[in-house]
Amino acid sequence: MASTLKVNTIAHSGGTNAMTIDSSGNATFAQRVLHPQLPIASVTLTTANTQDASNPYTTTGADILFDKVTINRGSVYNTSNGRFTAPITGLYKFTYNLLKDDDTAANVTYVYVWKNGAEYTEAGGSGYTQSTGQYGMISMSTLVSLNATEYITLRLTGGGLYLNADGRYHGVIFELVG
């Protein structure tokens, strides 16, 4: 059963109009529209991390434990296990930019996204760069559908990542988009 709400103006009980809808269906807002505190995390990896502080970072086969957290709205990132956990069911955007080390012994560097402990094989689920004796950026972004309490992590599966004290060469963002 469909319902229809037919109004021209939505107003505060004090008489202030919040939104007006014209005959064409266009909405005009009297003030800005505020969004709730959407879940989002922004993290990076520094030489202060407790998992692998060597430079380059070469720990493979384990979830990367990003140690510098800039934003963690909704407490979606856990520094002890490296998990970005969905607090609510939705579509999440996961973006990572990592700097491959210039170590010639590890000229190919691979990074994979994992969902709930299994490799995520959808579009954007893995990234790599190959260059001998040169730095290289691994930059990927993917959309992941997650139910509440499901999680994603990032793993280095080969090669090495350049580290520095402030983590300026790496960035990982996890955000609810829909």
Foldseek 3Di string as FASTA:
>chain_A
DDDDDDDQFDADPVGHTQWGADPVRDIDGPDDDDDPQFFKWKFFAALPQPPANDFFRWDFPAFDQTDGTPDGGVVQADNVRQKRFAQAWAKKKKKKKFKFDLAQVFQKKKKAKAKQNHTDDDPQGMWMDGDHRDIDITITMDIDGDHGGIIMTMGIHTGTTGHHHPRPRIMIMMTGDD
